[in-house]
């Protein structure tokens, strides 16, 4: 399952966003460090195609793809040296596939900001620097550990150290590991370090309904943040965490009306999840039948056997072929038999690259 760590400075809306995403109840009071232990919530990925396929197949169960979100206490300057609640939380982020960095994007004198000013690009720089410093320490420890192997002339460790030197040089000027210029081979050699700054980062710009949102103020602060995110090669989504949290308690039928009243017409959480998929270059394919209709998450560009392995490892090594049809083509058919007769349902082999929205039936030996 995809695992994403929610990070940011204290009091920028991380726990509120986590609550909105998971409908869980973790503390979200208006003061720093109210989240003492990381909270974990599993979130179903919204996808309208699932319900339509389930209706087509008359499925008993519908199982969406899922993302595990980990809410991590606010980081502050010096976290890498143990300031605030530092190192224990940085360690929690290492276990995730990606980082969701929540950035405050509104003015409100009644909501405390740990840095005493609202300047999103500076907040991003503070968090990223702490991640860089933590990674730099990881690299230093690893180089110390393999120093003896290098002296002994062991080639694999010499090659690894060359990658570590590149990383150390990048960290010394505040660069993320993503921008250290490692080759694919060098990246493999340092995979075990699970570097924080090698993970994709999605920035959630947290706005406030009825507040002074920076993208509306046009005073340069929003633009500086956008430019930094672009420079970092990142992506961002805008979300109103507090409103999304409140909407959790509104009946589904009434939600659209409330959104219009609050001036938040877009579903920020759906945008956020779509943004997470785009950041990680993920897609969904489906299996459907009378028992269940289910969405599966894979990396874009995956061949059929690798996609099958998301369901069961046997499909990777014992894959024979797969029957494949696009969701829209299946829904436009009166039945599977009709789809087969009209040649919409086709047979694909090991080389087939799975497309987003494919409905698949795997055959293995």
Protein backbone atom coordinates (compact mmCIF):
# COMPACT_ATOMS: atom_id res chain seq x y z
CA UNK A 1 0.00 0.00 0.00
CA UNK A 2 1.18 3.51 -0.85
CA UNK A 3 2.34 5.34 2.27
CA UNK A 4 2.58 9.14 2.51
CA UNK A 5 3.97 11.15 5.44
CA UNK A 6 2.31 14.49 6.21
CA UNK A 7 4.92 17.02 7.36
CA UNK A 8 5.22 20.75 7.89
CA UNK A 9 5.94 23.38 10.50
CA UNK A 10 3.87 23.20 13.69
CA UNK A 11 0.35 24.55 13.48
CA UNK A 12 -0.02 24.81 9.69
CA UNK A 13 -2.97 22.41 9.44
CA UNK A 14 -1.34 18.97 9.19
CA UNK A 15 -3.57 17.25 11.73
CA UNK A 16 -6.66 19.05 10.44
CA UNK A 17 -5.86 17.80 6.95
CA UNK A 18 -5.20 14.31 8.32
CA UNK A 19 -8.60 14.40 10.06
CA UNK A 20 -10.26 15.51 6.85
CA UNK A 21 -8.59 12.72 4.89
CA UNK A 22 -9.24 9.91 7.31
CA UNK A 23 -12.22 11.14 9.33
CA UNK A 24 -10.08 10.08 12.28
CA UNK A 25 -9.88 12.01 15.51
CA UNK A 26 -6.38 13.22 16.31
CA UNK A 27 -5.65 16.42 18.24
CA UNK A 28 -5.66 19.54 16.07
CA UNK A 29 -5.62 22.34 18.63
CA UNK A 30 -4.15 25.73 17.90
CA UNK A 31 -0.70 25.24 19.39
CA UNK A 32 2.60 23.60 18.34
CA UNK A 33 3.41 19.93 18.97
CA UNK A 34 -0.16 18.86 19.80
CA UNK A 35 0.44 15.69 17.76
CA UNK A 36 2.83 13.67 19.90
CA UNK A 37 2.68 10.27 18.23
CA UNK A 38 2.32 9.76 14.50
CA UNK A 39 -1.21 8.83 13.62
CA UNK A 40 -1.94 6.50 10.74
CA UNK A 41 -5.05 6.42 8.61
CA UNK A 42 -5.96 4.42 5.52
CA UNK A 43 -7.84 6.41 2.90
CA UNK A 44 -9.81 5.02 -0.03
CA UNK A 45 -8.92 6.66 -3.33
CA UNK A 46 -12.03 8.29 -4.85
CA UNK A 47 -12.73 6.96 -8.34
CA UNK A 48 -16.16 7.21 -9.99
CA UNK A 49 -15.29 4.34 -12.35
CA UNK A 50 -15.41 1.85 -9.46
CA UNK A 51 -19.10 2.31 -8.73
CA UNK A 52 -20.02 2.07 -12.41
CA UNK A 53 -18.07 -1.15 -12.83
CA UNK A 54 -19.60 -2.58 -9.67
CA UNK A 55 -23.07 -1.80 -11.02
CA UNK A 56 -22.18 -3.42 -14.36
CA UNK A 57 -20.96 -6.59 -12.63
CA UNK A 58 -23.56 -6.52 -9.82
CA UNK A 59 -20.65 -6.87 -7.38
CA UNK A 60 -21.25 -7.67 -3.73
CA UNK A 61 -18.24 -5.60 -2.62
CA UNK A 62 -16.45 -2.50 -3.88
CA UNK A 63 -12.82 -2.07 -2.80
CA UNK A 64 -11.04 1.17 -3.75
CA UNK A 65 -7.30 1.58 -4.01
CA UNK A 66 -5.91 2.83 -0.70
CA UNK A 67 -3.29 5.25 0.57
CA UNK A 68 -1.89 5.15 4.08
CA UNK A 69 -1.35 8.64 5.49
CA UNK A 70 0.95 9.18 8.46
CA UNK A 71 0.46 12.39 10.44
CA UNK A 72 3.83 13.46 11.83
CA UNK A 73 4.39 16.14 14.49
CA UNK A 74 5.48 19.60 13.35
CA UNK A 75 9.13 20.03 12.46
CA UNK A 76 11.01 23.16 13.48
CA UNK A 77 14.42 24.65 12.75
CA UNK A 78 17.00 22.33 14.31
CA UNK A 79 14.82 19.21 14.05
CA UNK A 80 17.76 17.30 12.55
CA UNK A 81 19.72 18.13 15.70
CA UNK A 82 16.82 17.08 17.89
CA UNK A 83 15.04 20.44 18.35
CA UNK A 84 11.32 20.23 19.04
CA UNK A 85 10.52 16.57 18.75
CA UNK A 86 13.08 16.23 15.96
CA UNK A 87 14.75 12.95 15.23
CA UNK A 88 12.00 10.52 16.19
CA UNK A 89 9.66 12.13 13.67
CA UNK A 90 12.25 12.33 10.93
CA UNK A 91 12.71 8.58 11.41
CA UNK A 92 8.96 8.06 10.91
CA UNK A 93 9.10 9.85 7.54
CA UNK A 94 11.78 7.44 6.33
CA UNK A 95 9.23 4.64 6.19
CA UNK A 96 7.01 6.46 3.68
CA UNK A 97 6.95 6.39 -0.14
CA UNK A 98 6.38 10.11 -0.51
CA UNK A 99 6.09 13.30 1.52
CA UNK A 100 3.07 15.59 1.66
CA UNK A 101 4.36 18.93 2.90
CA UNK A 102 1.58 21.14 4.28
CA UNK A 103 2.27 24.87 3.88
CA UNK A 104 0.14 27.62 5.42
CA UNK A 105 -1.22 29.86 2.68
CA UNK A 106 -3.38 32.40 4.51
CA UNK A 107 -3.09 35.37 6.86
CA UNK A 108 -4.96 35.22 10.18
CA UNK A 109 -3.64 36.96 13.34
CA UNK A 110 -5.68 34.54 15.47
CA UNK A 111 -3.75 31.48 14.27
CA UNK A 112 -0.23 31.23 15.68
CA UNK A 113 2.71 30.78 13.30
CA UNK A 114 5.87 29.34 14.83
CA UNK A 115 8.12 31.64 12.72
CA UNK A 116 6.00 34.75 13.53
CA UNK A 117 5.53 35.60 9.83
CA UNK A 118 3.55 34.12 6.95
CA UNK A 119 6.04 33.55 4.13
CA UNK A 120 5.41 30.15 2.54
CA UNK A 121 8.64 29.88 0.58
CA UNK A 122 10.61 30.30 3.82
CA UNK A 123 8.50 27.60 5.50
CA UNK A 124 9.29 25.24 2.62
CA UNK A 125 13.00 26.05 2.88
CA UNK A 126 13.02 25.41 6.65
CA UNK A 127 11.39 21.99 6.29
CA UNK A 128 13.52 20.96 3.31
CA UNK A 129 16.71 22.03 5.06
CA UNK A 130 15.85 19.85 8.06
CA UNK A 131 15.30 16.91 5.72
CA UNK A 132 18.62 17.63 3.99
CA UNK A 133 20.49 17.85 7.31
CA UNK A 134 19.00 14.56 8.48
CA UNK A 135 20.02 12.89 5.21
CA UNK A 136 23.51 14.38 5.42
CA UNK A 137 23.94 12.71 8.81
CA UNK A 138 22.77 9.37 7.36
CA UNK A 139 25.33 9.66 4.56
CA UNK A 140 28.12 10.60 6.99
CA UNK A 141 27.38 7.58 9.17
CA UNK A 142 27.30 5.26 6.16
CA UNK A 143 30.64 6.55 4.85
CA UNK A 144 32.21 5.99 8.26
CA UNK A 145 30.81 2.47 8.37
CA UNK A 146 32.20 1.40 4.98
CA UNK A 147 35.58 3.16 5.32
CA UNK A 148 37.31 -0.14 6.16
CA UNK A 149 35.81 -1.92 3.15
CA UNK A 150 37.00 0.89 0.90
CA UNK A 151 40.54 0.62 2.28
CA UNK A 152 40.39 -3.11 1.60
CA UNK A 153 39.67 -2.29 -2.05
CA UNK A 154 36.20 -3.83 -2.20
CA UNK A 155 34.78 -2.54 -5.47
CA UNK A 156 31.09 -2.46 -4.56
CA UNK A 157 31.81 -0.22 -1.56
CA UNK A 158 34.09 2.04 -3.59
CA UNK A 159 31.24 2.49 -6.09
CA UNK A 160 28.79 3.15 -3.27
CA UNK A 161 31.10 5.74 -1.73
CA UNK A 162 31.30 7.61 -5.04
CA UNK A 163 27.51 8.00 -4.86
CA UNK A 164 27.71 9.03 -1.20
CA UNK A 165 30.29 11.71 -2.05
CA UNK A 166 27.92 13.14 -4.67
CA UNK A 167 25.16 13.24 -2.09
CA UNK A 168 27.36 14.86 0.55
CA UNK A 169 28.37 17.57 -1.93
CA UNK A 170 24.72 18.24 -2.81
CA UNK A 171 23.69 18.38 0.85
CA UNK A 172 26.52 20.82 1.65
CA UNK A 173 24.84 23.42 -0.58
CA UNK A 174 21.32 22.61 0.61
CA UNK A 175 20.25 20.51 -2.39
CA UNK A 176 17.80 17.62 -2.10
CA UNK A 177 19.08 14.12 -2.94
CA UNK A 178 16.71 14.18 -5.93
CA UNK A 179 18.92 16.92 -7.41
CA UNK A 180 22.31 15.36 -6.63
CA UNK A 181 22.74 14.04 -10.17
CA UNK A 182 22.94 10.35 -9.23
CA UNK A 183 22.84 7.78 -12.02
CA UNK A 184 20.27 4.96 -11.83
CA UNK A 185 23.02 2.61 -10.67
CA UNK A 186 24.10 5.04 -7.94
CA UNK A 187 20.50 5.42 -6.76
CA UNK A 188 20.26 1.64 -6.37
CA UNK A 189 23.45 1.61 -4.32
CA UNK A 190 22.05 4.06 -1.76
CA UNK A 191 18.46 2.71 -1.65
CA UNK A 192 19.00 1.13 1.76
CA UNK A 193 19.55 4.58 3.31
CA UNK A 194 15.92 5.45 2.54
CA UNK A 195 16.85 9.10 2.14
CA UNK A 196 14.11 11.60 2.95
CA UNK A 197 15.07 13.99 0.16
CA UNK A 198 15.03 11.20 -2.45
CA UNK A 199 11.29 10.86 -1.91
CA UNK A 200 8.85 12.77 -4.14
CA UNK A 201 7.33 15.78 -2.36
CA UNK A 202 3.80 17.07 -2.96
CA UNK A 203 3.11 20.50 -1.47
CA UNK A 204 -0.38 21.11 -0.01
CA UNK A 205 -1.02 24.85 0.13
CA UNK A 206 -3.49 25.20 2.98
CA UNK A 207 -6.00 28.00 2.42
CA UNK A 208 -8.85 29.21 4.62
CA UNK A 209 -12.46 29.82 3.63
CA UNK A 210 -13.26 33.50 4.17
CA UNK A 211 -9.64 34.21 5.12
CA UNK A 212 -6.93 36.31 3.54
CA UNK A 213 -5.53 33.72 1.15
CA UNK A 214 -2.14 34.59 -0.29
CA UNK A 215 -3.03 33.75 -3.88
CA UNK A 216 -5.76 36.41 -3.67
CA UNK A 217 -3.64 39.09 -1.99
CA UNK A 218 -1.23 39.38 -4.94
CA UNK A 219 1.58 40.68 -2.71
CA UNK A 220 4.29 38.38 -4.08
CA UNK A 221 4.23 35.75 -1.34
CA UNK A 222 2.19 33.21 -3.31
CA UNK A 223 4.29 33.80 -6.42
CA UNK A 224 7.54 33.26 -4.50
CA UNK A 225 6.21 29.95 -3.19
CA UNK A 226 5.09 28.80 -6.65
CA UNK A 227 8.49 29.67 -8.09
CA UNK A 228 10.37 27.75 -5.38
CA UNK A 229 8.18 24.66 -5.84
CA UNK A 230 8.80 24.84 -9.60
CA UNK A 231 12.56 25.18 -9.01
CA UNK A 232 12.43 22.11 -6.74
CA UNK A 233 10.68 20.15 -9.48
CA UNK A 234 7.70 19.63 -7.18
CA UNK A 235 3.95 19.79 -7.64
CA UNK A 236 1.35 21.48 -5.47
CA UNK A 237 -2.36 21.31 -4.74
CA UNK A 238 -4.49 23.88 -2.93
CA UNK A 239 -6.68 22.63 -0.13
CA UNK A 240 -8.79 24.17 2.64
CA UNK A 241 -8.12 21.64 5.39
CA UNK A 242 -10.51 23.13 7.95
CA UNK A 243 -13.43 23.28 5.51
CA UNK A 244 -12.77 19.75 4.26
CA UNK A 245 -12.75 18.57 7.88
CA UNK A 246 -16.11 20.28 8.55
CA UNK A 247 -17.60 18.77 5.40
CA UNK A 248 -16.89 15.29 6.77
CA UNK A 249 -19.88 15.80 9.06
CA UNK A 250 -22.21 16.85 6.23
CA UNK A 251 -24.40 14.29 4.47
CA UNK A 252 -23.15 13.39 1.00
CA UNK A 253 -26.28 14.80 -0.70
CA UNK A 254 -25.83 18.20 1.00
CA UNK A 255 -22.10 18.55 0.50
CA UNK A 256 -22.18 20.26 -2.91
CA UNK A 257 -24.52 22.95 -1.59
CA UNK A 258 -22.33 23.58 1.45
CA UNK A 259 -19.27 23.83 -0.80
CA UNK A 260 -20.93 26.59 -2.81
CA UNK A 261 -21.93 28.47 0.37
CA UNK A 262 -18.40 28.25 1.76
CA UNK A 263 -16.79 29.25 -1.53
CA UNK A 264 -14.88 25.96 -1.83
CA UNK A 265 -16.49 24.38 -4.92
CA UNK A 266 -13.69 21.93 -5.64
CA UNK A 267 -13.11 18.76 -3.62
CA UNK A 268 -9.65 19.56 -2.26
CA UNK A 269 -9.10 16.07 -0.91
CA UNK A 270 -9.79 14.43 -4.25
CA UNK A 271 -7.40 16.92 -5.86
CA UNK A 272 -4.81 16.08 -3.22
CA UNK A 273 -5.07 12.34 -3.82
CA UNK A 274 -4.90 12.86 -7.57
CA UNK A 275 -1.85 15.05 -6.97
CA UNK A 276 -0.23 12.29 -4.93
CA UNK A 277 -0.80 9.84 -7.79
CA UNK A 278 0.67 12.28 -10.31
CA UNK A 279 3.69 12.98 -8.08
CA UNK A 280 4.43 9.28 -7.81
CA UNK A 281 3.45 8.58 -11.44
CA UNK A 282 0.79 6.05 -10.43
CA UNK A 283 -2.29 4.75 -12.23
CA UNK A 284 -5.18 2.42 -11.38
CA UNK A 285 -6.45 -0.69 -13.10
CA UNK A 286 -9.51 -2.73 -12.14
CA UNK A 287 -10.75 -6.26 -11.60
CA UNK A 288 -14.50 -6.80 -11.53
CA UNK A 289 -16.98 -9.64 -11.04
CA UNK A 290 -19.98 -10.62 -8.97
CA UNK A 291 -17.86 -11.07 -5.82
CA UNK A 292 -16.10 -7.72 -5.94
CA UNK A 293 -14.96 -4.77 -8.03
CA UNK A 294 -11.53 -3.57 -7.00
CA UNK A 295 -9.00 -0.89 -7.93
CA UNK A 296 -5.28 -1.65 -7.92
CA UNK A 297 -2.43 0.86 -7.87
CA UNK A 298 0.66 0.45 -10.05
CA UNK A 299 3.41 2.64 -11.46
CA UNK A 300 2.71 4.07 -14.90
CA UNK A 301 4.52 2.07 -17.57
CA UNK A 302 4.19 -1.28 -15.75
CA UNK A 303 3.98 -4.39 -17.97
CA UNK A 304 1.09 -6.80 -17.42
CA UNK A 305 2.99 -9.35 -15.24
CA UNK A 306 4.15 -6.60 -12.88
CA UNK A 307 0.61 -5.23 -12.65
CA UNK A 308 -0.63 -8.74 -11.89
CA UNK A 309 1.86 -8.96 -9.02
CA UNK A 310 -0.12 -6.22 -7.28
CA UNK A 311 -2.84 -8.88 -6.91
CA UNK A 312 -0.66 -11.93 -6.27
CA UNK A 313 3.06 -12.69 -6.68
CA UNK A 314 2.22 -15.75 -8.82
CA UNK A 315 1.14 -13.43 -11.62
CA UNK A 316 4.68 -12.06 -11.91
CA UNK A 317 6.55 -15.30 -12.60
CA UNK A 318 3.74 -17.55 -13.88
CA UNK A 319 1.95 -15.01 -16.07
CA UNK A 320 0.56 -16.48 -19.31
CA UNK A 321 -1.73 -13.78 -20.67
CA UNK A 322 -4.34 -11.23 -19.66
CA UNK A 323 -7.73 -10.27 -21.04
CA UNK A 324 -7.93 -6.49 -21.18
CA UNK A 325 -10.63 -3.93 -21.90
CA UNK A 326 -10.83 -0.19 -21.20
CA UNK A 327 -13.40 0.74 -18.54
CA UNK A 328 -15.44 2.90 -20.93
CA UNK A 329 -15.53 0.12 -23.53
CA UNK A 330 -16.75 -2.43 -20.98
CA UNK A 331 -19.43 -0.07 -19.64
CA UNK A 332 -20.61 0.60 -23.20
CA UNK A 333 -21.06 -3.15 -23.74
CA UNK A 334 -24.15 -5.04 -22.69
CA UNK A 335 -22.07 -7.89 -21.22
CA UNK A 336 -18.63 -9.49 -21.23
CA UNK A 337 -19.82 -11.70 -24.09
CA UNK A 338 -20.82 -8.62 -26.07
CA UNK A 339 -17.41 -7.04 -25.40
CA UNK A 340 -15.73 -10.19 -26.64
CA UNK A 341 -17.89 -10.42 -29.79
CA UNK A 342 -17.21 -6.79 -30.71
CA UNK A 343 -13.45 -7.32 -30.17
CA UNK A 344 -13.33 -4.67 -27.44
CA UNK A 345 -12.02 -7.36 -25.06
CA UNK A 346 -8.60 -8.45 -26.23
CA UNK A 347 -5.83 -10.79 -25.16
CA UNK A 348 -2.45 -9.33 -24.26
CA UNK A 349 0.91 -10.92 -23.46
CA UNK A 350 3.88 -10.17 -21.18
CA UNK A 351 4.97 -7.08 -23.10
CA UNK A 352 1.66 -5.24 -22.75
CA UNK A 353 1.95 -1.93 -20.86
CA UNK A 354 -1.08 -1.46 -18.64
CA UNK A 355 -3.09 1.75 -19.14
CA UNK A 356 -4.97 3.73 -16.51
CA UNK A 357 -8.54 2.42 -16.35
CA UNK A 358 -7.86 -0.99 -17.85
CA UNK A 359 -10.14 -3.77 -16.61
CA UNK A 360 -8.10 -7.00 -16.50
CA UNK A 361 -8.47 -10.76 -16.05
CA UNK A 362 -5.13 -12.51 -15.47
CA UNK A 363 -4.32 -16.08 -16.46
CA UNK A 364 -1.29 -17.83 -15.00
CA UNK A 365 0.27 -21.27 -14.97
